[in-house]
């Protein structure tokens, strides 16, 4: 079944219809009162926590596939290989009146088929000024996660996307400046908030985000409309092309939630390779989307089912041509020892 943009929009509109009246009163939680109670109980201005983790892994691989040959043609890893990562995570918060600061750092030592590897990163480090209950500002290195999906977020325009194979992995933020305003209402729209972000990109300053020497802007409008969470998102800047999208999340039952995302990216540039290694590039407007369900069973087990499509990925024909190129390059390598084609394939794969 193939979802079109029109089908996603129509389906989302259906979800926004007011729910049918219920025979019994709904229980409503006053989040403001909960926050006040938590703040009153938290007297210590400084908090530190963290953990040390050792997570050995055993991988099984099919040595006859094109991707295996591309990755391990110059190594003899066999069909199984191990990985031994040791990681230390530290994070802390300091609060003084309306001003607070937060940091999260990660250090990892890992042994794998590539040998020993050591990385140390400041994942987040930012300050927050909360002017009042309706207005706040952030400045520093902050992870922004826009979107309702659990495995992937096509509307996450200014953050790093999750790895679908490890969606809970801690990610690194970008240096940015953010302001957020929140208002509550008594009509169909219960809550509305607007977040505005400025993200500069310069040499050694968010330089992995996109083109340098530019300041980019993004915004998110959040609405709680008829018990449905809705976001409208927008990005504009010269480091990446213009893009916009929306997402939604709604509880059909207390233990059953449906969510989705839709994103449009203008002038996306994609490179593809043919079976002989010829590289071509084209620009087009890419559409990506996600639809998912989240269900909590009586045994407190959460089941998440999601279907997503990336308009920025390879088509079936493009993938076939790429795999044909890898197979041809591998045959050349086994006959002559030449690695040029396989090394080029590795670059295209990143």
Foldseek 3Di string as FASTA:
>chain_A
DDDDPVNVVVVVVVVQPFDDDDPDDDDDDDVVVVVVVVVVVDPAQKDKDWDKDKDKDKAFADCPALVNCLVDVVHDQPGMWIKIKIKIKMKMKGDDPQKMKIWIKMWMWMQTPVGIDIDIDTQWIWMKGDPDPFKIKIFGFDADDDFDDQQFHPQSLQHDTAHNVCSPDRGHGATKIKMKGKDADDPQWGIKMKMKMKGAAAVVHVVVNFDHDKIKIKMWIWTCGSNKIKIWIWIDMDRFATKIWMKIKHDPDPFKIKIKIKMKGAQDKAWFAFLQGDIDIDTGIFIKMKIKMWGQDPVRDIDIDMDIDTRRDDDPNRVVRLSSNSVVQSVCCVVPVDCVSSVVSVVNVD
